[in-house]
């Protein structure tokens, strides 16, 4: 939820008092959705020091770009291609198949920058 004053992820807006979804709640809501159906624009992180964007999805293929902080996308990112099954298995803890080691914190991000990065290959 956002208001006209801000779009930050916080518990409420000081200007208007609109209650917002907590960051933890966003992570717990978005992660299962993004794991089940990864889409371009999904952004994942691991304790805010490692970042991954889903930049392309064609059927069973998921293409991501990952980097560790401090980083700048796409310059510092590594392009990775996985099948949907490999993508899910990679993010799930081996000892707990109901939990991921990274969390999806937002969806629908603009990843048009990824197209230019593909020209350099990886």
PDB file of N, CA and C in Angstrom:
ATOM      1  N   UNK A   1       0.853  -1.171   0.000  1.00  0.00           N
ATOM      2  CA  UNK A   1       0.000   0.000   0.000  1.00  0.00           C
ATOM      3  C   UNK A   1       0.894   1.227   0.000  1.00  0.00           C
ATOM      4  N   UNK A   2       0.533   2.221  -0.752  1.00  0.00           N
ATOM      5  CA  UNK A   2       1.303   3.454  -0.742  1.00  0.00           C
ATOM      6  C   UNK A   2       0.350   4.634  -0.713  1.00  0.00           C
ATOM      7  N   UNK A   3       0.916   5.788  -0.454  1.00  0.00           N
ATOM      8  CA  UNK A   3       0.119   7.008  -0.418  1.00  0.00           C
ATOM      9  C   UNK A   3       0.771   8.022  -1.340  1.00  0.00           C
ATOM     10  N   UNK A   4       0.224   9.192  -1.435  1.00  0.00           N
ATOM     11  CA  UNK A   4       0.785  10.206  -2.316  1.00  0.00           C
ATOM     12  C   UNK A   4       2.108  10.761  -1.801  1.00  0.00           C
ATOM     13  N   UNK A   5       2.436  10.511  -0.530  1.00  0.00           N
ATOM     14  CA  UNK A   5       3.632  11.094   0.069  1.00  0.00           C
ATOM     15  C   UNK A   5       4.879  10.247  -0.102  1.00  0.00           C
ATOM     16  N   UNK A   6       4.726   8.929  -0.138  1.00  0.00           N
ATOM     17  CA  UNK A   6       5.915   8.079  -0.207  1.00  0.00           C
ATOM     18  C   UNK A   6       5.553   6.710  -0.766  1.00  0.00           C
ATOM     19  N   UNK A   7       6.586   5.976  -1.141  1.00  0.00           N
ATOM     20  CA  UNK A   7       6.399   4.595  -1.603  1.00  0.00           C
ATOM     21  C   UNK A   7       7.321   3.654  -0.850  1.00  0.00           C
ATOM     22  N   UNK A   8       7.863   4.107   0.257  1.00  0.00           N
ATOM     23  CA  UNK A   8       8.798   3.278   1.009  1.00  0.00           C
ATOM     24  C   UNK A   8       8.073   2.103   1.669  1.00  0.00           C
ATOM     25  N   UNK A   9       8.859   1.132   2.058  1.00  0.00           N
ATOM     26  CA  UNK A   9       8.317  -0.025   2.759  1.00  0.00           C
ATOM     27  C   UNK A   9       8.473   0.242   4.254  1.00  0.00           C
ATOM     28  N   UNK A  10       7.441   0.736   4.859  1.00  0.00           N
ATOM     29  CA  UNK A  10       7.483   1.027   6.290  1.00  0.00           C
ATOM     30  C   UNK A  10       6.113   0.714   6.878  1.00  0.00           C
ATOM     31  N   UNK A  11       5.975   0.841   8.154  1.00  0.00           N
ATOM     32  CA  UNK A  11       4.715   0.455   8.779  1.00  0.00           C
ATOM     33  C   UNK A  11       3.635   1.509   8.622  1.00  0.00           C
ATOM     34  N   UNK A  12       3.992   2.767   8.483  1.00  0.00           N
ATOM     35  CA  UNK A  12       2.984   3.793   8.235  1.00  0.00           C
ATOM     36  C   UNK A  12       3.650   5.054   7.714  1.00  0.00           C
ATOM     37  N   UNK A  13       2.877   5.861   7.037  1.00  0.00           N
ATOM     38  CA  UNK A  13       3.370   7.115   6.494  1.00  0.00           C
ATOM     39  C   UNK A  13       3.170   8.207   7.538  1.00  0.00           C
ATOM     40  N   UNK A  14       4.225   8.913   7.877  1.00  0.00           N
ATOM     41  CA  UNK A  14       4.139   9.978   8.883  1.00  0.00           C
ATOM     42  C   UNK A  14       3.254  11.125   8.405  1.00  0.00           C
ATOM     43  N   UNK A  15       3.173  11.332   7.090  1.00  0.00           N
ATOM     44  CA  UNK A  15       2.385  12.444   6.563  1.00  0.00           C
ATOM     45  C   UNK A  15       0.886  12.177   6.571  1.00  0.00           C
ATOM     46  N   UNK A  16       0.492  10.947   6.259  1.00  0.00           N
ATOM     47  CA  UNK A  16      -0.941  10.689   6.145  1.00  0.00           C
ATOM     48  C   UNK A  16      -1.452   9.621   7.109  1.00  0.00           C
ATOM     49  N   UNK A  17      -0.548   8.874   7.734  1.00  0.00           N
ATOM     50  CA  UNK A  17      -0.959   7.869   8.704  1.00  0.00           C
ATOM     51  C   UNK A  17      -1.469   6.577   8.096  1.00  0.00           C
ATOM     52  N   UNK A  18      -1.361   6.418   6.769  1.00  0.00           N
ATOM     53  CA  UNK A  18      -1.818   5.184   6.133  1.00  0.00           C
ATOM     54  C   UNK A  18      -0.926   4.036   6.591  1.00  0.00           C
ATOM     55  N   UNK A  19      -1.534   3.005   7.107  1.00  0.00           N
ATOM     56  CA  UNK A  19      -0.779   1.823   7.534  1.00  0.00           C
ATOM     57  C   UNK A  19      -0.286   1.099   6.297  1.00  0.00           C
ATOM     58  N   UNK A  20       0.937   0.637   6.355  1.00  0.00           N
ATOM     59  CA  UNK A  20       1.530  -0.082   5.237  1.00  0.00           C
ATOM     60  C   UNK A  20       1.932  -1.476   5.673  1.00  0.00           C
ATOM     61  N   UNK A  21       2.123  -2.317   4.715  1.00  0.00           N
ATOM     62  CA  UNK A  21       2.555  -3.682   4.967  1.00  0.00           C
ATOM     63  C   UNK A  21       4.014  -3.670   5.431  1.00  0.00           C
ATOM     64  N   UNK A  22       4.338  -4.431   6.439  1.00  0.00           N
ATOM     65  CA  UNK A  22       5.713  -4.482   6.921  1.00  0.00           C
ATOM     66  C   UNK A  22       6.597  -5.188   5.899  1.00  0.00           C
ATOM     67  N   UNK A  23       7.880  -4.906   5.975  1.00  0.00           N
ATOM     68  CA  UNK A  23       8.836  -5.526   5.065  1.00  0.00           C
ATOM     69  C   UNK A  23       8.807  -7.052   5.214  1.00  0.00           C
ATOM     70  N   UNK A  24       8.759  -7.530   6.444  1.00  0.00           N
ATOM     71  CA  UNK A  24       8.708  -8.975   6.683  1.00  0.00           C
ATOM     72  C   UNK A  24       7.457  -9.588   6.064  1.00  0.00           C
ATOM     73  N   UNK A  25       6.340  -8.900   6.174  1.00  0.00           N
ATOM     74  CA  UNK A  25       5.098  -9.391   5.598  1.00  0.00           C
ATOM     75  C   UNK A  25       5.182  -9.453   4.075  1.00  0.00           C
ATOM     76  N   UNK A  26       5.821  -8.455   3.477  1.00  0.00           N
ATOM     77  CA  UNK A  26       6.008  -8.443   2.022  1.00  0.00           C
ATOM     78  C   UNK A  26       6.836  -9.651   1.596  1.00  0.00           C
ATOM     79  N   UNK A  27       7.940  -9.903   2.301  1.00  0.00           N
ATOM     80  CA  UNK A  27       8.799 -11.040   1.972  1.00  0.00           C
ATOM     81  C   UNK A  27       8.042 -12.358   2.051  1.00  0.00           C
ATOM     82  N   UNK A  28       7.279 -12.526   3.112  1.00  0.00           N
ATOM     83  CA  UNK A  28       6.539 -13.787   3.300  1.00  0.00           C
ATOM     84  C   UNK A  28       5.382 -13.941   2.324  1.00  0.00           C
ATOM     85  N   UNK A  29       4.842 -12.840   1.831  1.00  0.00           N
ATOM     86  CA  UNK A  29       3.758 -12.907   0.849  1.00  0.00           C
ATOM     87  C   UNK A  29       4.295 -13.142  -0.558  1.00  0.00           C
ATOM     88  N   UNK A  30       5.362 -12.427  -0.943  1.00  0.00           N
ATOM     89  CA  UNK A  30       5.852 -12.490  -2.321  1.00  0.00           C
ATOM     90  C   UNK A  30       6.715 -13.714  -2.622  1.00  0.00           C
ATOM     91  N   UNK A  31       7.477 -14.185  -1.655  1.00  0.00           N
ATOM     92  CA  UNK A  31       8.428 -15.268  -1.924  1.00  0.00           C
ATOM     93  C   UNK A  31       7.769 -16.529  -2.477  1.00  0.00           C
ATOM     94  N   UNK A  32       6.700 -17.051  -1.873  1.00  0.00           N
ATOM     95  CA  UNK A  32       6.094 -18.262  -2.445  1.00  0.00           C
ATOM     96  C   UNK A  32       5.518 -18.023  -3.846  1.00  0.00           C
ATOM     97  N   UNK A  33       4.982 -16.840  -4.086  1.00  0.00           N
ATOM     98  CA  UNK A  33       4.435 -16.520  -5.409  1.00  0.00           C
ATOM     99  C   UNK A  33       5.531 -16.486  -6.462  1.00  0.00           C
ATOM    100  N   UNK A  34       6.641 -15.826  -6.131  1.00  0.00           N
ATOM    101  CA  UNK A  34       7.744 -15.698  -7.078  1.00  0.00           C
ATOM    102  C   UNK A  34       8.487 -17.013  -7.280  1.00  0.00           C
ATOM    103  N   UNK A  35       8.503 -17.861  -6.266  1.00  0.00           N
ATOM    104  CA  UNK A  35       9.131 -19.172  -6.403  1.00  0.00           C
ATOM    105  C   UNK A  35       8.286 -20.071  -7.299  1.00  0.00           C
ATOM    106  N   UNK A  36       6.981 -20.027  -7.136  1.00  0.00           N
ATOM    107  CA  UNK A  36       6.076 -20.864  -7.925  1.00  0.00           C
ATOM    108  C   UNK A  36       6.000 -20.424  -9.386  1.00  0.00           C
ATOM    109  N   UNK A  37       6.108 -19.130  -9.623  1.00  0.00           N
ATOM    110  CA  UNK A  37       5.951 -18.599 -10.978  1.00  0.00           C
ATOM    111  C   UNK A  37       6.878 -17.402 -11.185  1.00  0.00           C
ATOM    112  N   UNK A  38       8.199 -17.654 -11.316  1.00  0.00           N
ATOM    113  CA  UNK A  38       9.137 -16.544 -11.490  1.00  0.00           C
ATOM    114  C   UNK A  38       8.833 -15.757 -12.763  1.00  0.00           C
ATOM    115  N   UNK A  39       8.863 -14.431 -12.641  1.00  0.00           N
ATOM    116  CA  UNK A  39       8.552 -13.555 -13.759  1.00  0.00           C
ATOM    117  C   UNK A  39       9.610 -12.456 -13.869  1.00  0.00           C
ATOM    118  N   UNK A  40       9.852 -11.965 -15.092  1.00  0.00           N
ATOM    119  CA  UNK A  40      10.776 -10.840 -15.232  1.00  0.00           C
ATOM    120  C   UNK A  40      10.354  -9.693 -14.317  1.00  0.00           C
ATOM    121  N   UNK A  41      11.326  -9.153 -13.609  1.00  0.00           N
ATOM    122  CA  UNK A  41      11.048  -8.067 -12.677  1.00  0.00           C
ATOM    123  C   UNK A  41      11.015  -8.509 -11.234  1.00  0.00           C
ATOM    124  N   UNK A  42      11.015  -9.826 -10.976  1.00  0.00           N
ATOM    125  CA  UNK A  42      11.093 -10.304  -9.595  1.00  0.00           C
ATOM    126  C   UNK A  42      12.482  -9.976  -9.061  1.00  0.00           C
ATOM    127  N   UNK A  43      12.529  -9.387  -7.863  1.00  0.00           N
ATOM    128  CA  UNK A  43      13.820  -9.086  -7.235  1.00  0.00           C
ATOM    129  C   UNK A  43      13.939  -9.882  -5.940  1.00  0.00           C
ATOM    130  N   UNK A  44      15.020 -10.628  -5.830  1.00  0.00           N
ATOM    131  CA  UNK A  44      15.311 -11.449  -4.661  1.00  0.00           C
ATOM    132  C   UNK A  44      16.529 -10.878  -3.958  1.00  0.00           C
ATOM    133  N   UNK A  45      16.610 -11.083  -2.650  1.00  0.00           N
ATOM    134  CA  UNK A  45      17.822 -10.706  -1.931  1.00  0.00           C
ATOM    135  C   UNK A  45      18.068 -11.688  -0.803  1.00  0.00           C
ATOM    136  N   UNK A  46      19.315 -11.709  -0.361  1.00  0.00           N
ATOM    137  CA  UNK A  46      19.690 -12.525   0.779  1.00  0.00           C
ATOM    138  C   UNK A  46      20.320 -11.584   1.796  1.00  0.00           C
ATOM    139  N   UNK A  47      19.544 -11.260   2.809  1.00  0.00           N
ATOM    140  CA  UNK A  47      19.969 -10.377   3.886  1.00  0.00           C
ATOM    141  C   UNK A  47      20.535  -9.041   3.374  1.00  0.00           C
ATOM    142  N   UNK A  48      19.973  -8.565   2.292  1.00  0.00           N
ATOM    143  CA  UNK A  48      20.304  -7.261   1.700  1.00  0.00           C
ATOM    144  C   UNK A  48      21.775  -7.127   1.297  1.00  0.00           C
ATOM    145  N   UNK A  49      22.459  -8.253   1.082  1.00  0.00           N
ATOM    146  CA  UNK A  49      23.844  -8.148   0.604  1.00  0.00           C
ATOM    147  C   UNK A  49      24.055  -8.862  -0.731  1.00  0.00           C
ATOM    148  N   UNK A  50      23.098  -9.645  -1.164  1.00  0.00           N
ATOM    149  CA  UNK A  50      23.151 -10.328  -2.455  1.00  0.00           C
ATOM    150  C   UNK A  50      21.805 -10.100  -3.134  1.00  0.00           C
ATOM    151  N   UNK A  51      21.851  -9.791  -4.416  1.00  0.00           N
ATOM    152  CA  UNK A  51      20.625  -9.447  -5.150  1.00  0.00           C
ATOM    153  C   UNK A  51      20.522 -10.270  -6.420  1.00  0.00           C
ATOM    154  N   UNK A  52      19.298 -10.605  -6.779  1.00  0.00           N
ATOM    155  CA  UNK A  52      19.036 -11.319  -8.024  1.00  0.00           C
ATOM    156  C   UNK A  52      17.756 -10.767  -8.642  1.00  0.00           C
ATOM    157  N   UNK A  53      17.815 -10.526  -9.927  1.00  0.00           N
ATOM    158  CA  UNK A  53      16.628 -10.163 -10.691  1.00  0.00           C
ATOM    159  C   UNK A  53      16.317 -11.274 -11.675  1.00  0.00           C
ATOM    160  N   UNK A  54      15.051 -11.646 -11.790  1.00  0.00           N
ATOM    161  CA  UNK A  54      14.621 -12.496 -12.896  1.00  0.00           C
ATOM    162  C   UNK A  54      14.485 -11.547 -14.073  1.00  0.00           C
ATOM    163  N   UNK A  55      15.240 -11.816 -15.143  1.00  0.00           N
ATOM    164  CA  UNK A  55      15.227 -10.902 -16.285  1.00  0.00           C
ATOM    165  C   UNK A  55      14.486 -11.467 -17.489  1.00  0.00           C
ATOM    166  N   UNK A  56      14.279 -12.783 -17.475  1.00  0.00           N
ATOM    167  CA  UNK A  56      13.552 -13.389 -18.595  1.00  0.00           C
ATOM    168  C   UNK A  56      12.974 -14.725 -18.152  1.00  0.00           C
ATOM    169  N   UNK A  57      11.827 -15.033 -18.690  1.00  0.00           N
ATOM    170  CA  UNK A  57      11.195 -16.337 -18.433  1.00  0.00           C
ATOM    171  C   UNK A  57      10.532 -16.774 -19.719  1.00  0.00           C
ATOM    172  N   UNK A  58      10.976 -17.916 -20.229  1.00  0.00           N
ATOM    173  CA  UNK A  58      10.366 -18.501 -21.419  1.00  0.00           C
ATOM    174  C   UNK A  58      10.069 -19.951 -21.105  1.00  0.00           C
ATOM    175  N   UNK A  59       8.803 -20.244 -20.848  1.00  0.00           N
ATOM    176  CA  UNK A  59       8.407 -21.612 -20.531  1.00  0.00           C
ATOM    177  C   UNK A  59       9.123 -22.130 -19.308  1.00  0.00           C
ATOM    178  N   UNK A  60       9.944 -23.154 -19.507  1.00  0.00           N
ATOM    179  CA  UNK A  60      10.658 -23.809 -18.410  1.00  0.00           C
ATOM    180  C   UNK A  60      12.015 -23.163 -18.114  1.00  0.00           C
ATOM    181  N   UNK A  61      12.366 -22.101 -18.825  1.00  0.00           N
ATOM    182  CA  UNK A  61      13.672 -21.466 -18.654  1.00  0.00           C
ATOM    183  C   UNK A  61      13.546 -20.159 -17.880  1.00  0.00           C
ATOM    184  N   UNK A  62      14.387 -20.011 -16.849  1.00  0.00           N
ATOM    185  CA  UNK A  62      14.426 -18.807 -16.022  1.00  0.00           C
ATOM    186  C   UNK A  62      15.824 -18.215 -16.143  1.00  0.00           C
ATOM    187  N   UNK A  63      15.908 -16.960 -16.589  1.00  0.00           N
ATOM    188  CA  UNK A  63      17.194 -16.278 -16.712  1.00  0.00           C
ATOM    189  C   UNK A  63      17.257 -15.192 -15.649  1.00  0.00           C
ATOM    190  N   UNK A  64      18.343 -15.216 -14.879  1.00  0.00           N
ATOM    191  CA  UNK A  64      18.516 -14.258 -13.797  1.00  0.00           C
ATOM    192  C   UNK A  64      19.833 -13.515 -13.958  1.00  0.00           C
ATOM    193  N   UNK A  65      19.944 -12.403 -13.240  1.00  0.00           N
ATOM    194  CA  UNK A  65      21.209 -11.683 -13.103  1.00  0.00           C
ATOM    195  C   UNK A  65      21.419 -11.454 -11.622  1.00  0.00           C
ATOM    196  N   UNK A  66      22.599 -11.854 -11.115  1.00  0.00           N
ATOM    197  CA  UNK A  66      22.897 -11.819  -9.689  1.00  0.00           C
ATOM    198  C   UNK A  66      24.166 -11.030  -9.428  1.00  0.00           C
ATOM    199  N   UNK A  67      24.204 -10.371  -8.266  1.00  0.00           N
ATOM    200  CA  UNK A  67      25.406  -9.652  -7.841  1.00  0.00           C
ATOM    201  C   UNK A  67      25.385  -9.477  -6.335  1.00  0.00           C
ATOM    202  N   UNK A  68      26.568  -9.330  -5.761  1.00  0.00           N
ATOM    203  CA  UNK A  68      26.705  -9.061  -4.335  1.00  0.00           C
ATOM    204  C   UNK A  68      27.021  -7.591  -4.120  1.00  0.00           C
ATOM    205  N   UNK A  69      26.512  -7.056  -3.031  1.00  0.00           N
ATOM    206  CA  UNK A  69      26.729  -5.643  -2.710  1.00  0.00           C
ATOM    207  C   UNK A  69      28.179  -5.421  -2.286  1.00  0.00           C
ATOM    208  N   UNK A  70      28.725  -4.243  -2.570  1.00  0.00           N
ATOM    209  CA  UNK A  70      28.109  -3.163  -3.345  1.00  0.00           C
ATOM    210  C   UNK A  70      28.128  -3.529  -4.824  1.00  0.00           C
ATOM    211  N   UNK A  71      27.027  -3.263  -5.493  1.00  0.00           N
ATOM    212  CA  UNK A  71      26.929  -3.658  -6.893  1.00  0.00           C
ATOM    213  C   UNK A  71      26.069  -2.684  -7.674  1.00  0.00           C
ATOM    214  N   UNK A  72      26.218  -2.777  -8.975  1.00  0.00           N
ATOM    215  CA  UNK A  72      25.411  -1.988  -9.893  1.00  0.00           C
ATOM    216  C   UNK A  72      24.963  -2.924 -11.012  1.00  0.00           C
ATOM    217  N   UNK A  73      23.684  -2.910 -11.282  1.00  0.00           N
ATOM    218  CA  UNK A  73      23.148  -3.763 -12.355  1.00  0.00           C
ATOM    219  C   UNK A  73      23.080  -2.966 -13.644  1.00  0.00           C
ATOM    220  N   UNK A  74      23.432  -3.516 -14.787  1.00  0.00           N
ATOM    221  CA  UNK A  74      23.904  -4.884 -15.015  1.00  0.00           C
ATOM    222  C   UNK A  74      25.422  -5.042 -14.939  1.00  0.00           C
ATOM    223  N   UNK A  75      26.160  -3.963 -14.736  1.00  0.00           N
ATOM    224  CA  UNK A  75      27.620  -3.993 -14.799  1.00  0.00           C
ATOM    225  C   UNK A  75      28.249  -5.098 -13.965  1.00  0.00           C
ATOM    226  N   UNK A  76      27.838  -5.238 -12.720  1.00  0.00           N
ATOM    227  CA  UNK A  76      28.457  -6.200 -11.807  1.00  0.00           C
ATOM    228  C   UNK A  76      27.740  -7.542 -11.751  1.00  0.00           C
ATOM    229  N   UNK A  77      26.690  -7.693 -12.513  1.00  0.00           N
ATOM    230  CA  UNK A  77      25.847  -8.889 -12.394  1.00  0.00           C
ATOM    231  C   UNK A  77      26.317 -10.032 -13.290  1.00  0.00           C
ATOM    232  N   UNK A  78      26.065 -11.233 -12.789  1.00  0.00           N
ATOM    233  CA  UNK A  78      26.359 -12.458 -13.530  1.00  0.00           C
ATOM    234  C   UNK A  78      25.046 -13.021 -14.061  1.00  0.00           C
ATOM    235  N   UNK A  79      25.009 -13.319 -15.354  1.00  0.00           N
ATOM    236  CA  UNK A  79      23.810 -13.883 -15.983  1.00  0.00           C
ATOM    237  C   UNK A  79      23.813 -15.390 -15.777  1.00  0.00           C
ATOM    238  N   UNK A  80      22.679 -15.929 -15.319  1.00  0.00           N
ATOM    239  CA  UNK A  80      22.561 -17.361 -15.069  1.00  0.00           C
ATOM    240  C   UNK A  80      21.272 -17.882 -15.686  1.00  0.00           C
ATOM    241  N   UNK A  81      21.354 -19.071 -16.274  1.00  0.00           N
ATOM    242  CA  UNK A  81      20.198 -19.696 -16.919  1.00  0.00           C
ATOM    243  C   UNK A  81      19.931 -21.023 -16.220  1.00  0.00           C
ATOM    244  N   UNK A  82      18.677 -21.212 -15.804  1.00  0.00           N
ATOM    245  CA  UNK A  82      18.273 -22.444 -15.127  1.00  0.00           C
ATOM    246  C   UNK A  82      16.902 -22.874 -15.636  1.00  0.00           C
ATOM    247  N   UNK A  83      16.642 -24.158 -15.516  1.00  0.00           N
ATOM    248  CA  UNK A  83      15.278 -24.623 -15.754  1.00  0.00           C
ATOM    249  C   UNK A  83      14.450 -24.185 -14.548  1.00  0.00           C
ATOM    250  N   UNK A  84      13.147 -24.212 -14.678  1.00  0.00           N
ATOM    251  CA  UNK A  84      12.275 -23.836 -13.574  1.00  0.00           C
ATOM    252  C   UNK A  84      12.539 -24.732 -12.360  1.00  0.00           C
ATOM    253  N   UNK A  85      12.703 -26.028 -12.585  1.00  0.00           N
ATOM    254  CA  UNK A  85      12.982 -26.948 -11.482  1.00  0.00           C
ATOM    255  C   UNK A  85      14.321 -26.620 -10.827  1.00  0.00           C
ATOM    256  N   UNK A  86      15.346 -26.353 -11.637  1.00  0.00           N
ATOM    257  CA  UNK A  86      16.661 -25.993 -11.085  1.00  0.00           C
ATOM    258  C   UNK A  86      16.582 -24.690 -10.288  1.00  0.00           C
ATOM    259  N   UNK A  87      15.825 -23.726 -10.794  1.00  0.00           N
ATOM    260  CA  UNK A  87      15.652 -22.440 -10.109  1.00  0.00           C
ATOM    261  C   UNK A  87      15.054 -22.652  -8.719  1.00  0.00           C
ATOM    262  N   UNK A  88      13.977 -23.422  -8.665  1.00  0.00           N
ATOM    263  CA  UNK A  88      13.320 -23.694  -7.379  1.00  0.00           C
ATOM    264  C   UNK A  88      14.242 -24.453  -6.436  1.00  0.00           C
ATOM    265  N   UNK A  89      14.877 -25.513  -6.944  1.00  0.00           N
ATOM    266  CA  UNK A  89      15.765 -26.312  -6.100  1.00  0.00           C
ATOM    267  C   UNK A  89      16.957 -25.508  -5.607  1.00  0.00           C
ATOM    268  N   UNK A  90      17.445 -24.582  -6.429  1.00  0.00           N
ATOM    269  CA  UNK A  90      18.591 -23.746  -6.057  1.00  0.00           C
ATOM    270  C   UNK A  90      18.237 -22.831  -4.886  1.00  0.00           C
ATOM    271  N   UNK A  91      17.019 -22.302  -4.860  1.00  0.00           N
ATOM    272  CA  UNK A  91      16.611 -21.370  -3.810  1.00  0.00           C
ATOM    273  C   UNK A  91      16.122 -22.049  -2.531  1.00  0.00           C
ATOM    274  N   UNK A  92      15.714 -23.293  -2.621  1.00  0.00           N
ATOM    275  CA  UNK A  92      15.201 -23.990  -1.437  1.00  0.00           C
ATOM    276  C   UNK A  92      16.337 -24.553  -0.586  1.00  0.00           C
ATOM    277  N   UNK A  93      16.162 -24.500   0.731  1.00  0.00           N
ATOM    278  CA  UNK A  93      17.113 -25.148   1.640  1.00  0.00           C
ATOM    279  C   UNK A  93      17.035 -26.646   1.425  1.00  0.00           C
ATOM    280  N   UNK A  94      18.175 -27.326   1.320  1.00  0.00           N
ATOM    281  CA  UNK A  94      18.145 -28.784   1.151  1.00  0.00           C
ATOM    282  C   UNK A  94      17.506 -29.493   2.343  1.00  0.00           C
ATOM    283  N   UNK A  95      17.648 -28.925   3.535  1.00  0.00           N
ATOM    284  CA  UNK A  95      17.117 -29.563   4.731  1.00  0.00           C
ATOM    285  C   UNK A  95      15.676 -29.173   5.042  1.00  0.00           C
ATOM    286  N   UNK A  96      15.156 -28.157   4.321  1.00  0.00           N
ATOM    287  CA  UNK A  96      13.779 -27.722   4.541  1.00  0.00           C
ATOM    288  C   UNK A  96      13.190 -27.266   3.214  1.00  0.00           C
ATOM    289  N   UNK A  97      12.537 -28.154   2.491  1.00  0.00           N
ATOM    290  CA  UNK A  97      12.015 -27.809   1.172  1.00  0.00           C
ATOM    291  C   UNK A  97      10.851 -26.819   1.200  1.00  0.00           C
ATOM    292  N   UNK A  98      10.483 -26.333   2.370  1.00  0.00           N
ATOM    293  CA  UNK A  98       9.433 -25.323   2.467  1.00  0.00           C
ATOM    294  C   UNK A  98       9.985 -23.934   2.730  1.00  0.00           C
ATOM    295  N   UNK A  99      11.317 -23.786   2.720  1.00  0.00           N
ATOM    296  CA  UNK A  99      11.929 -22.490   3.013  1.00  0.00           C
ATOM    297  C   UNK A  99      13.016 -22.175   1.994  1.00  0.00           C
ATOM    298  N   UNK A 100      13.177 -20.903   1.694  1.00  0.00           N
ATOM    299  CA  UNK A 100      14.214 -20.455   0.773  1.00  0.00           C
ATOM    300  C   UNK A 100      15.292 -19.687   1.533  1.00  0.00           C
ATOM    301  N   UNK A 101      16.506 -19.695   0.983  1.00  0.00           N
ATOM    302  CA  UNK A 101      17.608 -18.966   1.614  1.00  0.00           C
ATOM    303  C   UNK A 101      17.629 -17.502   1.170  1.00  0.00           C
ATOM    304  N   UNK A 102      16.883 -17.176   0.143  1.00  0.00           N
ATOM    305  CA  UNK A 102      16.727 -15.791  -0.316  1.00  0.00           C
ATOM    306  C   UNK A 102      15.239 -15.483  -0.332  1.00  0.00           C
ATOM    307  N   UNK A 103      14.899 -14.210  -0.329  1.00  0.00           N
ATOM    308  CA  UNK A 103      13.493 -13.801  -0.292  1.00  0.00           C
ATOM    309  C   UNK A 103      13.201 -12.842  -1.442  1.00  0.00           C
ATOM    310  N   UNK A 104      12.019 -12.968  -2.010  1.00  0.00           N
ATOM    311  CA  UNK A 104      11.580 -12.029  -3.043  1.00  0.00           C
ATOM    312  C   UNK A 104      10.988 -10.810  -2.341  1.00  0.00           C
ATOM    313  N   UNK A 105      11.559  -9.637  -2.615  1.00  0.00           N
ATOM    314  CA  UNK A 105      11.071  -8.432  -1.937  1.00  0.00           C
ATOM    315  C   UNK A 105      10.244  -7.523  -2.825  1.00  0.00           C
ATOM    316  N   UNK A 106      10.222  -7.789  -4.126  1.00  0.00           N
ATOM    317  CA  UNK A 106       9.362  -6.996  -5.006  1.00  0.00           C
ATOM    318  C   UNK A 106       9.218  -7.702  -6.351  1.00  0.00           C
ATOM    319  N   UNK A 107       8.149  -7.353  -7.039  1.00  0.00           N
ATOM    320  CA  UNK A 107       7.877  -7.909  -8.365  1.00  0.00           C
ATOM    321  C   UNK A 107       7.603  -6.747  -9.308  1.00  0.00           C
ATOM    322  N   UNK A 108       7.574  -6.997 -10.568  1.00  0.00           N
ATOM    323  CA  UNK A 108       7.260  -5.977 -11.580  1.00  0.00           C
ATOM    324  C   UNK A 108       8.297  -4.862 -11.668  1.00  0.00           C
ATOM    325  N   UNK A 109       9.548  -5.132 -11.285  1.00  0.00           N
ATOM    326  CA  UNK A 109      10.604  -4.144 -11.474  1.00  0.00           C
ATOM    327  C   UNK A 109      10.951  -4.054 -12.953  1.00  0.00           C
ATOM    328  N   UNK A 110      11.374  -2.896 -13.394  1.00  0.00           N
ATOM    329  CA  UNK A 110      11.801  -2.696 -14.778  1.00  0.00           C
ATOM    330  C   UNK A 110      13.168  -3.346 -14.965  1.00  0.00           C
ATOM    331  N   UNK A 111      13.244  -4.357 -15.804  1.00  0.00           N
ATOM    332  CA  UNK A 111      14.517  -5.025 -16.070  1.00  0.00           C
ATOM    333  C   UNK A 111      14.921  -4.855 -17.536  1.00  0.00           C
ATOM    334  N   UNK A 112      14.473  -3.774 -18.145  1.00  0.00           N
ATOM    335  CA  UNK A 112      14.832  -3.511 -19.538  1.00  0.00           C
ATOM    336  C   UNK A 112      16.339  -3.345 -19.701  1.00  0.00           C
ATOM    337  N   UNK A 113      17.041  -2.956 -18.628  1.00  0.00           N
ATOM    338  CA  UNK A 113      18.492  -2.829 -18.651  1.00  0.00           C
ATOM    339  C   UNK A 113      19.174  -4.161 -18.951  1.00  0.00           C
ATOM    340  N   UNK A 114      18.503  -5.266 -18.702  1.00  0.00           N
ATOM    341  CA  UNK A 114      19.098  -6.588 -18.899  1.00  0.00           C
ATOM    342  C   UNK A 114      19.317  -6.887 -20.371  1.00  0.00           C
ATOM    343  N   UNK A 115      18.500  -6.333 -21.252  1.00  0.00           N
ATOM    344  CA  UNK A 115      18.658  -6.558 -22.680  1.00  0.00           C
ATOM    345  C   UNK A 115      19.998  -6.076 -23.187  1.00  0.00           C
ATOM    346  N   UNK A 116      20.438  -4.914 -22.710  1.00  0.00           N
ATOM    347  CA  UNK A 116      21.742  -4.368 -23.133  1.00  0.00           C
ATOM    348  C   UNK A 116      22.875  -5.240 -22.608  1.00  0.00           C
ATOM    349  N   UNK A 117      22.694  -5.828 -21.439  1.00  0.00           N
ATOM    350  CA  UNK A 117      23.740  -6.653 -20.836  1.00  0.00           C
ATOM    351  C   UNK A 117      23.938  -7.951 -21.607  1.00  0.00           C
ATOM    352  N   UNK A 118      22.911  -8.433 -22.272  1.00  0.00           N
ATOM    353  CA  UNK A 118      23.005  -9.698 -22.992  1.00  0.00           C
ATOM    354  C   UNK A 118      23.931  -9.588 -24.189  1.00  0.00           C
ATOM    355  N   UNK A 119      24.075  -8.387 -24.728  1.00  0.00           N
ATOM    356  CA  UNK A 119      24.947  -8.195 -25.874  1.00  0.00           C
ATOM    357  C   UNK A 119      26.395  -8.572 -25.588  1.00  0.00           C
ATOM    358  N   UNK A 120      26.831  -8.383 -24.327  1.00  0.00           N
ATOM    359  CA  UNK A 120      28.201  -8.711 -23.955  1.00  0.00           C
ATOM    360  C   UNK A 120      28.384 -10.182 -23.665  1.00  0.00           C
ATOM    361  N   UNK A 121      27.302 -10.920 -23.461  1.00  0.00           N
ATOM    362  CA  UNK A 121      27.380 -12.353 -23.178  1.00  0.00           C
ATOM    363  C   UNK A 121      28.004 -12.637 -21.834  1.00  0.00           C
ATOM    364  N   UNK A 122      27.800 -13.841 -21.360  1.00  0.00           N
ATOM    365  CA  UNK A 122      28.449 -14.285 -20.123  1.00  0.00           C
ATOM    366  C   UNK A 122      28.423 -15.789 -20.032  1.00  0.00           C
TER     367      UNK A 122
END
